[in-house]
PDB file of N, CA and C in Angstrom:
ATOM      1  N   MET A   1      99.427 119.713 101.319  1.00  0.00           N
ATOM      2  CA  MET A   1      98.606 119.455 102.466  1.00  0.00           C
ATOM      3  C   MET A   1      99.207 118.279 103.234  1.00  0.00           C
ATOM      4  N   LYS A   2      99.316 118.429 104.520  1.00  0.00           N
ATOM      5  CA  LYS A   2      99.877 117.371 105.365  1.00  0.00           C
ATOM      6  C   LYS A   2      98.832 116.277 105.579  1.00  0.00           C
ATOM      7  N   TYR A   3      99.268 115.032 105.429  1.00  0.00           N
ATOM      8  CA  TYR A   3      98.386 113.887 105.664  1.00  0.00           C
ATOM      9  C   TYR A   3      98.597 113.389 107.085  1.00  0.00           C
ATOM     10  N   TYR A   4      97.499 113.180 107.791  1.00  0.00           N
ATOM     11  CA  TYR A   4      97.551 112.651 109.140  1.00  0.00           C
ATOM     12  C   TYR A   4      97.142 111.182 109.119  1.00  0.00           C
ATOM     13  N   THR A   5      97.984 110.339 109.689  1.00  0.00           N
ATOM     14  CA  THR A   5      97.703 108.911 109.746  1.00  0.00           C
ATOM     15  C   THR A   5      96.400 108.676 110.495  1.00  0.00           C
ATOM     16  N   ARG A   6      95.616 107.718 109.992  1.00  0.00           N
ATOM     17  CA  ARG A   6      94.330 107.410 110.608  1.00  0.00           C
ATOM     18  C   ARG A   6      94.357 106.040 111.269  1.00  0.00           C
ATOM     19  N   VAL A   7      93.590 105.896 112.316  1.00  0.00           N
ATOM     20  CA  VAL A   7      93.520 104.652 113.083  1.00  0.00           C
ATOM     21  C   VAL A   7      93.094 103.485 112.193  1.00  0.00           C
ATOM     22  N   VAL A   8      92.272 103.742 111.206  1.00  0.00           N
ATOM     23  CA  VAL A   8      91.696 102.693 110.358  1.00  0.00           C
ATOM     24  C   VAL A   8      92.706 102.094 109.364  1.00  0.00           C
ATOM     25  N   GLU A   9      93.867 102.683 109.211  1.00  0.00           N
ATOM     26  CA  GLU A   9      94.814 102.244 108.183  1.00  0.00           C
ATOM     27  C   GLU A   9      95.259 100.788 108.347  1.00  0.00           C
ATOM     28  N   GLU A  10      95.470 100.336 109.548  1.00  0.00           N
ATOM     29  CA  GLU A  10      95.877  98.934 109.746  1.00  0.00           C
ATOM     30  C   GLU A  10      94.759  97.995 109.308  1.00  0.00           C
ATOM     31  N   GLU A  11      93.529  98.369 109.609  1.00  0.00           N
ATOM     32  CA  GLU A  11      92.390  97.553 109.182  1.00  0.00           C
ATOM     33  C   GLU A  11      92.277  97.541 107.653  1.00  0.00           C
ATOM     34  N   ILE A  12      92.535  98.676 107.018  1.00  0.00           N
ATOM     35  CA  ILE A  12      92.510  98.749 105.551  1.00  0.00           C
ATOM     36  C   ILE A  12      93.551  97.797 104.969  1.00  0.00           C
ATOM     37  N   LYS A  13      94.756  97.801 105.517  1.00  0.00           N
ATOM     38  CA  LYS A  13      95.810  96.893 105.038  1.00  0.00           C
ATOM     39  C   LYS A  13      95.365  95.441 105.128  1.00  0.00           C
ATOM     40  N   GLN A  14      94.783  95.076 106.247  1.00  0.00           N
ATOM     41  CA  GLN A  14      94.323  93.696 106.437  1.00  0.00           C
ATOM     42  C   GLN A  14      93.218  93.344 105.450  1.00  0.00           C
ATOM     43  N   LYS A  15      92.268  94.254 105.252  1.00  0.00           N
ATOM     44  CA  LYS A  15      91.156  94.000 104.333  1.00  0.00           C
ATOM     45  C   LYS A  15      91.663  93.870 102.901  1.00  0.00           C
ATOM     46  N   LEU A  16      92.627  94.693 102.513  1.00  0.00           N
ATOM     47  CA  LEU A  16      93.162  94.630 101.153  1.00  0.00           C
ATOM     48  C   LEU A  16      93.898  93.316 100.907  1.00  0.00           C
ATOM     49  N   GLN A  17      94.531  92.778 101.919  1.00  0.00           N
ATOM     50  CA  GLN A  17      95.218  91.495 101.772  1.00  0.00           C
ATOM     51  C   GLN A  17      94.228  90.345 101.639  1.00  0.00           C
ATOM     52  N   ALA A  18      93.036  90.494 102.200  1.00  0.00           N
ATOM     53  CA  ALA A  18      92.063  89.406 102.215  1.00  0.00           C
ATOM     54  C   ALA A  18      91.051  89.488 101.077  1.00  0.00           C
ATOM     55  N   SER A  19      90.933  90.637 100.432  1.00  0.00           N
ATOM     56  CA  SER A  19      89.858  90.847  99.465  1.00  0.00           C
ATOM     57  C   SER A  19      90.370  91.608  98.251  1.00  0.00           C
ATOM     58  N   GLY A  20      89.638  91.506  97.157  1.00  0.00           N
ATOM     59  CA  GLY A  20      90.037  92.198  95.933  1.00  0.00           C
ATOM     60  C   GLY A  20      89.519  93.612  95.816  1.00  0.00           C
ATOM     61  N   ALA A  21      88.628  94.015  96.718  1.00  0.00           N
ATOM     62  CA  ALA A  21      88.072  95.371  96.667  1.00  0.00           C
ATOM     63  C   ALA A  21      87.725  95.820  98.073  1.00  0.00           C
ATOM     64  N   LEU A  22      87.732  97.123  98.265  1.00  0.00           N
ATOM     65  CA  LEU A  22      87.441  97.695  99.572  1.00  0.00           C
ATOM     66  C   LEU A  22      86.597  98.944  99.384  1.00  0.00           C
ATOM     67  N   LEU A  23      85.496  99.028 100.086  1.00  0.00           N
ATOM     68  CA  LEU A  23      84.628 100.198 100.068  1.00  0.00           C
ATOM     69  C   LEU A  23      84.906 101.010 101.317  1.00  0.00           C
ATOM     70  N   ILE A  24      85.238 102.283 101.122  1.00  0.00           N
ATOM     71  CA  ILE A  24      85.474 103.178 102.250  1.00  0.00           C
ATOM     72  C   ILE A  24      84.311 104.168 102.282  1.00  0.00           C
ATOM     73  N   LYS A  25      83.502 104.093 103.340  1.00  0.00           N
ATOM     74  CA  LYS A  25      82.348 104.971 103.491  1.00  0.00           C
ATOM     75  C   LYS A  25      82.543 105.859 104.707  1.00  0.00           C
ATOM     76  N   GLY A  26      81.922 107.030 104.662  1.00  0.00           N
ATOM     77  CA  GLY A  26      81.972 107.931 105.806  1.00  0.00           C
ATOM     78  C   GLY A  26      81.365 109.259 105.445  1.00  0.00           C
ATOM     79  N   PRO A  27      81.242 110.152 106.426  1.00  0.00           N
ATOM     80  CA  PRO A  27      80.661 111.461 106.158  1.00  0.00           C
ATOM     81  C   PRO A  27      81.524 112.287 105.206  1.00  0.00           C
ATOM     82  N   LYS A  28      80.908 113.248 104.599  1.00  0.00           N
ATOM     83  CA  LYS A  28      81.596 114.132 103.665  1.00  0.00           C
ATOM     84  C   LYS A  28      82.793 114.801 104.356  1.00  0.00           C
ATOM     85  N   SER A  29      83.904 114.877 103.635  1.00  0.00           N
ATOM     86  CA  SER A  29      85.118 115.581 104.076  1.00  0.00           C
ATOM     87  C   SER A  29      85.776 115.001 105.329  1.00  0.00           C
ATOM     88  N   CYS A  30      85.650 113.682 105.540  1.00  0.00           N
ATOM     89  CA  CYS A  30      86.303 113.085 106.717  1.00  0.00           C
ATOM     90  C   CYS A  30      87.664 112.482 106.375  1.00  0.00           C
ATOM     91  N   GLY A  31      88.037 112.474 105.074  1.00  0.00           N
ATOM     92  CA  GLY A  31      89.352 111.972 104.693  1.00  0.00           C
ATOM     93  C   GLY A  31      89.361 110.632 103.991  1.00  0.00           C
ATOM     94  N   LYS A  32      88.215 110.197 103.477  1.00  0.00           N
ATOM     95  CA  LYS A  32      88.138 108.899 102.791  1.00  0.00           C
ATOM     96  C   LYS A  32      89.083 108.846 101.600  1.00  0.00           C
ATOM     97  N   THR A  33      89.011 109.829 100.730  1.00  0.00           N
ATOM     98  CA  THR A  33      89.837 109.827  99.526  1.00  0.00           C
ATOM     99  C   THR A  33      91.312 109.952  99.867  1.00  0.00           C
ATOM    100  N   GLU A  34      91.664 110.840 100.766  1.00  0.00           N
ATOM    101  CA  GLU A  34      93.073 111.004 101.138  1.00  0.00           C
ATOM    102  C   GLU A  34      93.630 109.730 101.762  1.00  0.00           C
ATOM    103  N   THR A  35      92.822 109.046 102.559  1.00  0.00           N
ATOM    104  CA  THR A  35      93.255 107.783 103.149  1.00  0.00           C
ATOM    105  C   THR A  35      93.439 106.735 102.053  1.00  0.00           C
ATOM    106  N   ALA A  36      92.470 106.629 101.142  1.00  0.00           N
ATOM    107  CA  ALA A  36      92.562 105.653 100.048  1.00  0.00           C
ATOM    108  C   ALA A  36      93.784 105.923  99.172  1.00  0.00           C
ATOM    109  N   LYS A  37      94.123 107.176  98.970  1.00  0.00           N
ATOM    110  CA  LYS A  37      95.293 107.534  98.143  1.00  0.00           C
ATOM    111  C   LYS A  37      96.588 106.970  98.727  1.00  0.00           C
ATOM    112  N   GLN A  38      96.637 106.756 100.027  1.00  0.00           N
ATOM    113  CA  GLN A  38      97.840 106.212 100.665  1.00  0.00           C
ATOM    114  C   GLN A  38      98.101 104.775 100.226  1.00  0.00           C
ATOM    115  N   PHE A  39      97.070 104.096  99.723  1.00  0.00           N
ATOM    116  CA  PHE A  39      97.182 102.691  99.325  1.00  0.00           C
ATOM    117  C   PHE A  39      97.107 102.498  97.811  1.00  0.00           C
ATOM    118  N   ALA A  40      96.631 103.490  97.092  1.00  0.00           N
ATOM    119  CA  ALA A  40      96.372 103.362  95.651  1.00  0.00           C
ATOM    120  C   ALA A  40      97.633 103.562  94.819  1.00  0.00           C
ATOM    121  N   GLU A  41      97.732 102.772  93.748  1.00  0.00           N
ATOM    122  CA  GLU A  41      98.800 102.925  92.759  1.00  0.00           C
ATOM    123  C   GLU A  41      98.312 103.683  91.533  1.00  0.00           C
ATOM    124  N   SER A  42      96.984 103.749  91.353  1.00  0.00           N
ATOM    125  CA  SER A  42      96.397 104.532  90.262  1.00  0.00           C
ATOM    126  C   SER A  42      95.019 105.012  90.713  1.00  0.00           C
ATOM    127  N   ILE A  43      94.540 106.082  90.066  1.00  0.00           N
ATOM    128  CA  ILE A  43      93.285 106.711  90.482  1.00  0.00           C
ATOM    129  C   ILE A  43      92.412 106.993  89.269  1.00  0.00           C
ATOM    130  N   LEU A  44      91.133 106.650  89.380  1.00  0.00           N
ATOM    131  CA  LEU A  44      90.124 107.036  88.398  1.00  0.00           C
ATOM    132  C   LEU A  44      89.185 107.997  89.103  1.00  0.00           C
ATOM    133  N   GLN A  45      89.113 109.230  88.615  1.00  0.00           N
ATOM    134  CA  GLN A  45      88.219 110.224  89.193  1.00  0.00           C
ATOM    135  C   GLN A  45      86.963 110.287  88.326  1.00  0.00           C
ATOM    136  N   VAL A  46      85.979 109.501  88.709  1.00  0.00           N
ATOM    137  CA  VAL A  46      84.780 109.278  87.904  1.00  0.00           C
ATOM    138  C   VAL A  46      84.070 110.572  87.553  1.00  0.00           C
ATOM    139  N   ASP A  47      83.904 111.457  88.504  1.00  0.00           N
ATOM    140  CA  ASP A  47      83.137 112.673  88.257  1.00  0.00           C
ATOM    141  C   ASP A  47      83.956 113.799  87.624  1.00  0.00           C
ATOM    142  N   ARG A  48      85.241 113.604  87.432  1.00  0.00           N
ATOM    143  CA  ARG A  48      86.084 114.649  86.842  1.00  0.00           C
ATOM    144  C   ARG A  48      86.666 114.267  85.485  1.00  0.00           C
ATOM    145  N   ASP A  49      86.599 112.996  85.129  1.00  0.00           N
ATOM    146  CA  ASP A  49      87.180 112.516  83.871  1.00  0.00           C
ATOM    147  C   ASP A  49      86.095 112.467  82.796  1.00  0.00           C
ATOM    148  N   GLU A  50      86.226 113.305  81.786  1.00  0.00           N
ATOM    149  CA  GLU A  50      85.222 113.397  80.723  1.00  0.00           C
ATOM    150  C   GLU A  50      85.147 112.129  79.877  1.00  0.00           C
ATOM    151  N   GLN A  51      86.148 111.275  79.944  1.00  0.00           N
ATOM    152  CA  GLN A  51      86.170 110.046  79.159  1.00  0.00           C
ATOM    153  C   GLN A  51      85.356 108.912  79.795  1.00  0.00           C
ATOM    154  N   VAL A  52      84.960 109.056  81.064  1.00  0.00           N
ATOM    155  CA  VAL A  52      84.237 107.988  81.759  1.00  0.00           C
ATOM    156  C   VAL A  52      82.940 107.612  81.044  1.00  0.00           C
ATOM    157  N   PRO A  53      82.065 108.567  80.687  1.00  0.00           N
ATOM    158  CA  PRO A  53      80.829 108.162  79.996  1.00  0.00           C
ATOM    159  C   PRO A  53      81.092 107.456  78.664  1.00  0.00           C
ATOM    160  N   ILE A  54      82.132 107.865  77.968  1.00  0.00           N
ATOM    161  CA  ILE A  54      82.480 107.236  76.694  1.00  0.00           C
ATOM    162  C   ILE A  54      82.940 105.801  76.934  1.00  0.00           C
ATOM    163  N   ALA A  55      83.819 105.620  77.904  1.00  0.00           N
ATOM    164  CA  ALA A  55      84.313 104.277  78.231  1.00  0.00           C
ATOM    165  C   ALA A  55      83.175 103.381  78.708  1.00  0.00           C
ATOM    166  N   MET A  56      82.245 103.944  79.481  1.00  0.00           N
ATOM    167  CA  MET A  56      81.101 103.149  79.962  1.00  0.00           C
ATOM    168  C   MET A  56      80.257 102.644  78.801  1.00  0.00           C
ATOM    169  N   SER A  57      80.121 103.464  77.763  1.00  0.00           N
ATOM    170  CA  SER A  57      79.292 103.061  76.627  1.00  0.00           C
ATOM    171  C   SER A  57      80.002 102.049  75.722  1.00  0.00           C
ATOM    172  N   ILE A  58      81.328 102.061  75.729  1.00  0.00           N
ATOM    173  CA  ILE A  58      82.101 101.143  74.882  1.00  0.00           C
ATOM    174  C   ILE A  58      82.369  99.829  75.616  1.00  0.00           C
ATOM    175  N   ASP A  59      83.066  99.929  76.741  1.00  0.00           N
ATOM    176  CA  ASP A  59      83.426  98.739  77.526  1.00  0.00           C
ATOM    177  C   ASP A  59      83.846  99.199  78.922  1.00  0.00           C
ATOM    178  N   PRO A  60      83.008  99.006  79.950  1.00  0.00           N
ATOM    179  CA  PRO A  60      83.338  99.468  81.305  1.00  0.00           C
ATOM    180  C   PRO A  60      84.647  98.903  81.856  1.00  0.00           C
ATOM    181  N   LYS A  61      85.105  97.769  81.335  1.00  0.00           N
ATOM    182  CA  LYS A  61      86.358  97.186  81.819  1.00  0.00           C
ATOM    183  C   LYS A  61      87.541  98.123  81.614  1.00  0.00           C
ATOM    184  N   ILE A  62      87.431  98.999  80.625  1.00  0.00           N
ATOM    185  CA  ILE A  62      88.494  99.977  80.363  1.00  0.00           C
ATOM    186  C   ILE A  62      88.782 100.800  81.615  1.00  0.00           C
ATOM    187  N   LEU A  63      87.747 101.093  82.382  1.00  0.00           N
ATOM    188  CA  LEU A  63      87.892 101.936  83.566  1.00  0.00           C
ATOM    189  C   LEU A  63      88.663 101.263  84.689  1.00  0.00           C
ATOM    190  N   LEU A  64      88.810  99.965  84.637  1.00  0.00           N
ATOM    191  CA  LEU A  64      89.563  99.247  85.662  1.00  0.00           C
ATOM    192  C   LEU A  64      91.030  99.089  85.303  1.00  0.00           C
ATOM    193  N   GLU A  65      91.399  99.506  84.083  1.00  0.00           N
ATOM    194  CA  GLU A  65      92.793  99.384  83.668  1.00  0.00           C
ATOM    195  C   GLU A  65      93.647 100.395  84.414  1.00  0.00           C
ATOM    196  N   GLY A  66      94.767  99.942  84.890  1.00  0.00           N
ATOM    197  CA  GLY A  66      95.684 100.792  85.635  1.00  0.00           C
ATOM    198  C   GLY A  66      96.339  99.975  86.722  1.00  0.00           C
ATOM    199  N   LYS A  67      97.375 100.541  87.297  1.00  0.00           N
ATOM    200  CA  LYS A  67      98.082  99.843  88.374  1.00  0.00           C
ATOM    201  C   LYS A  67      97.138  99.621  89.544  1.00  0.00           C
ATOM    202  N   THR A  68      97.334  98.516  90.232  1.00  0.00           N
ATOM    203  CA  THR A  68      96.524  98.209  91.400  1.00  0.00           C
ATOM    204  C   THR A  68      97.381  98.231  92.663  1.00  0.00           C
ATOM    205  N   PRO A  69      96.775  98.564  93.775  1.00  0.00           N
ATOM    206  CA  PRO A  69      95.387  98.889  94.007  1.00  0.00           C
ATOM    207  C   PRO A  69      94.956 100.159  93.246  1.00  0.00           C
ATOM    208  N   ARG A  70      93.727 100.131  92.743  1.00  0.00           N
ATOM    209  CA  ARG A  70      93.178 101.245  91.961  1.00  0.00           C
ATOM    210  C   ARG A  70      92.082 101.928  92.767  1.00  0.00           C
ATOM    211  N   LEU A  71      92.218 103.219  92.935  1.00  0.00           N
ATOM    212  CA  LEU A  71      91.214 104.019  93.627  1.00  0.00           C
ATOM    213  C   LEU A  71      90.190 104.497  92.605  1.00  0.00           C
ATOM    214  N   ILE A  72      88.937 104.167  92.829  1.00  0.00           N
ATOM    215  CA  ILE A  72      87.846 104.680  91.998  1.00  0.00           C
ATOM    216  C   ILE A  72      87.123 105.687  92.869  1.00  0.00           C
ATOM    217  N   ASP A  73      87.327 106.956  92.571  1.00  0.00           N
ATOM    218  CA  ASP A  73      86.848 108.034  93.421  1.00  0.00           C
ATOM    219  C   ASP A  73      85.741 108.816  92.728  1.00  0.00           C
ATOM    220  N   GLU A  74      84.710 109.107  93.483  1.00  0.00           N
ATOM    221  CA  GLU A  74      83.599 109.902  92.971  1.00  0.00           C
ATOM    222  C   GLU A  74      83.038 110.721  94.123  1.00  0.00           C
ATOM    223  N   LYS A  75      82.878 112.018  93.901  1.00  0.00           N
ATOM    224  CA  LYS A  75      82.368 112.894  94.960  1.00  0.00           C
ATOM    225  C   LYS A  75      80.950 112.526  95.358  1.00  0.00           C
ATOM    226  N   LYS A  76      80.127 112.252  94.389  1.00  0.00           N
ATOM    227  CA  LYS A  76      78.733 111.881  94.644  1.00  0.00           C
ATOM    228  C   LYS A  76      78.490 110.552  93.956  1.00  0.00           C
ATOM    229  N   PHE A  77      78.232 109.521  94.715  1.00  0.00           N
ATOM    230  CA  PHE A  77      78.028 108.177  94.181  1.00  0.00           C
ATOM    231  C   PHE A  77      76.719 108.132  93.404  1.00  0.00           C
ATOM    232  N   ARG A  78      76.804 107.871  92.119  1.00  0.00           N
ATOM    233  CA  ARG A  78      75.617 107.843  91.265  1.00  0.00           C
ATOM    234  C   ARG A  78      75.293 106.407  90.889  1.00  0.00           C
ATOM    235  N   LYS A  79      74.071 106.005  91.152  1.00  0.00           N
ATOM    236  CA  LYS A  79      73.625 104.675  90.752  1.00  0.00           C
ATOM    237  C   LYS A  79      72.863 104.808  89.449  1.00  0.00           C
ATOM    238  N   PRO A  80      72.943 103.878  88.524  1.00  0.00           N
ATOM    239  CA  PRO A  80      73.782 102.688  88.581  1.00  0.00           C
ATOM    240  C   PRO A  80      75.135 102.869  87.909  1.00  0.00           C
ATOM    241  N   ALA A  81      75.440 104.078  87.383  1.00  0.00           N
ATOM    242  CA  ALA A  81      76.676 104.260  86.620  1.00  0.00           C
ATOM    243  C   ALA A  81      77.915 103.815  87.389  1.00  0.00           C
ATOM    244  N   SER A  82      78.060 104.238  88.627  1.00  0.00           N
ATOM    245  CA  SER A  82      79.235 103.861  89.408  1.00  0.00           C
ATOM    246  C   SER A  82      79.263 102.372  89.689  1.00  0.00           C
ATOM    247  N   LEU A  83      78.105 101.798  89.971  1.00  0.00           N
ATOM    248  CA  LEU A  83      78.055 100.353  90.206  1.00  0.00           C
ATOM    249  C   LEU A  83      78.413  99.577  88.952  1.00  0.00           C
ATOM    250  N   ASN A  84      78.081 100.111  87.783  1.00  0.00           N
ATOM    251  CA  ASN A  84      78.413  99.428  86.541  1.00  0.00           C
ATOM    252  C   ASN A  84      79.919  99.320  86.343  1.00  0.00           C
ATOM    253  N   ILE A  85      80.657 100.298  86.816  1.00  0.00           N
ATOM    254  CA  ILE A  85      82.119 100.231  86.703  1.00  0.00           C
ATOM    255  C   ILE A  85      82.621  99.021  87.487  1.00  0.00           C
ATOM    256  N   ILE A  86      82.039  98.807  88.655  1.00  0.00           N
ATOM    257  CA  ILE A  86      82.489  97.737  89.529  1.00  0.00           C
ATOM    258  C   ILE A  86      81.879  96.393  89.141  1.00  0.00           C
ATOM    259  N   THR A  87      80.551  96.325  89.087  1.00  0.00           N
ATOM    260  CA  THR A  87      79.875  95.047  88.899  1.00  0.00           C
ATOM    261  C   THR A  87      79.607  94.720  87.441  1.00  0.00           C
ATOM    262  N   GLY A  88      79.406  95.719  86.606  1.00  0.00           N
ATOM    263  CA  GLY A  88      79.077  95.473  85.211  1.00  0.00           C
ATOM    264  C   GLY A  88      80.257  95.040  84.372  1.00  0.00           C
ATOM    265  N   THR A  89      81.418  94.981  84.959  1.00  0.00           N
ATOM    266  CA  THR A  89      82.620  94.622  84.219  1.00  0.00           C
ATOM    267  C   THR A  89      82.974  93.148  84.370  1.00  0.00           C
ATOM    268  N   GLY A  90      82.272  92.458  85.240  1.00  0.00           N
ATOM    269  CA  GLY A  90      82.618  91.064  85.505  1.00  0.00           C
ATOM    270  C   GLY A  90      83.726  90.925  86.531  1.00  0.00           C
ATOM    271  N   MET A  91      84.124  92.029  87.152  1.00  0.00           N
ATOM    272  CA  MET A  91      85.184  91.993  88.153  1.00  0.00           C
ATOM    273  C   MET A  91      84.684  91.288  89.404  1.00  0.00           C
ATOM    274  N   SER A  92      85.451  90.372  89.909  1.00  0.00           N
ATOM    275  CA  SER A  92      85.099  89.733  91.169  1.00  0.00           C
ATOM    276  C   SER A  92      85.863  90.434  92.280  1.00  0.00           C
ATOM    277  N   PHE A  93      85.602  90.046  93.508  1.00  0.00           N
ATOM    278  CA  PHE A  93      86.302  90.664  94.627  1.00  0.00           C
ATOM    279  C   PHE A  93      87.729  90.156  94.782  1.00  0.00           C
ATOM    280  N   THR A  94      88.085  89.138  94.036  1.00  0.00           N
ATOM    281  CA  THR A  94      89.446  88.611  94.119  1.00  0.00           C
ATOM    282  C   THR A  94      90.059  88.562  92.727  1.00  0.00           C
ATOM    283  N   ARG A  95      90.468  89.699  92.243  1.00  0.00           N
ATOM    284  CA  ARG A  95      91.092  89.762  90.925  1.00  0.00           C
ATOM    285  C   ARG A  95      92.509  89.204  90.985  1.00  0.00           C
ATOM    286  N   PRO A  96      92.892  88.420  90.000  1.00  0.00           N
ATOM    287  CA  PRO A  96      94.241  87.866  89.999  1.00  0.00           C
ATOM    288  C   PRO A  96      95.323  88.914  89.745  1.00  0.00           C
ATOM    289  N   ASP A  97      94.947  90.067  89.197  1.00  0.00           N
ATOM    290  CA  ASP A  97      95.952  91.079  88.863  1.00  0.00           C
ATOM    291  C   ASP A  97      96.062  92.186  89.898  1.00  0.00           C
ATOM    292  N   GLY A  98      95.348  92.110  91.025  1.00  0.00           N
ATOM    293  CA  GLY A  98      95.520  93.139  92.045  1.00  0.00           C
ATOM    294  C   GLY A  98      94.245  93.472  92.788  1.00  0.00           C
ATOM    295  N   ILE A  99      94.289  94.616  93.447  1.00  0.00           N
ATOM    296  CA  ILE A  99      93.208  95.032  94.330  1.00  0.00           C
ATOM    297  C   ILE A  99      92.704  96.393  93.878  1.00  0.00           C
ATOM    298  N   ASN A 100      91.399  96.592  93.965  1.00  0.00           N
ATOM    299  CA  ASN A 100      90.802  97.887  93.651  1.00  0.00           C
ATOM    300  C   ASN A 100      90.290  98.524  94.940  1.00  0.00           C
ATOM    301  N   VAL A 101      90.676  99.747  95.198  1.00  0.00           N
ATOM    302  CA  VAL A 101      90.233 100.477  96.375  1.00  0.00           C
ATOM    303  C   VAL A 101      89.148 101.442  95.928  1.00  0.00           C
ATOM    304  N   LEU A 102      88.015 101.431  96.605  1.00  0.00           N
ATOM    305  CA  LEU A 102      86.890 102.259  96.220  1.00  0.00           C
ATOM    306  C   LEU A 102      86.609 103.283  97.306  1.00  0.00           C
ATOM    307  N   SER A 103      86.532 104.537  96.932  1.00  0.00           N
ATOM    308  CA  SER A 103      86.205 105.574  97.886  1.00  0.00           C
ATOM    309  C   SER A 103      84.937 106.274  97.407  1.00  0.00           C
ATOM    310  N   LEU A 104      83.918 106.208  98.204  1.00  0.00           N
ATOM    311  CA  LEU A 104      82.642 106.771  97.809  1.00  0.00           C
ATOM    312  C   LEU A 104      82.236 107.802  98.865  1.00  0.00           C
ATOM    313  N   ALA A 105      82.065 109.048  98.449  1.00  0.00           N
ATOM    314  CA  ALA A 105      81.771 110.112  99.414  1.00  0.00           C
ATOM    315  C   ALA A 105      80.383 109.972 100.018  1.00  0.00           C
ATOM    316  N   SER A 106      79.394 109.693  99.187  1.00  0.00           N
ATOM    317  CA  SER A 106      78.040 109.557  99.706  1.00  0.00           C
ATOM    318  C   SER A 106      77.186 108.807  98.699  1.00  0.00           C
ATOM    319  N   LEU A 107      76.135 108.174  99.187  1.00  0.00           N
ATOM    320  CA  LEU A 107      75.220 107.463  98.298  1.00  0.00           C
ATOM    321  C   LEU A 107      74.156 108.432  97.846  1.00  0.00           C
ATOM    322  N   GLY A 108      73.993 108.580  96.520  1.00  0.00           N
ATOM    323  CA  GLY A 108      72.983 109.483  95.970  1.00  0.00           C
ATOM    324  C   GLY A 108      71.624 108.833  95.938  1.00  0.00           C
ATOM    325  N   LYS A 109      70.630 109.651  95.704  1.00  0.00           N
ATOM    326  CA  LYS A 109      69.257 109.142  95.623  1.00  0.00           C
ATOM    327  C   LYS A 109      68.793 109.162  94.196  1.00  0.00           C
TER     328      LYS A 109
END
């Protein structure tokens, strides 16, 4: 599939340089994940990886392991499980080991 450059990419670069995490929000199927993939060095697919619930029960920090920037992708944002990956791990917005890119398709109820 051909990737089309998006106007927001320069802003994403600037935000990633200034912060340890970035939330990309938008309507379904607008290209959030594909755009985030352009910046990510590793990807965690929360809703497709069967090991996520196991890691969450043992130590959520495991889910942040990987090259950074790290894309944490989930088709349907589930609270509080997805938030626990980010906030329940003690991760701050300025990690000394890199940047985490977050792509969230939609906020669930």
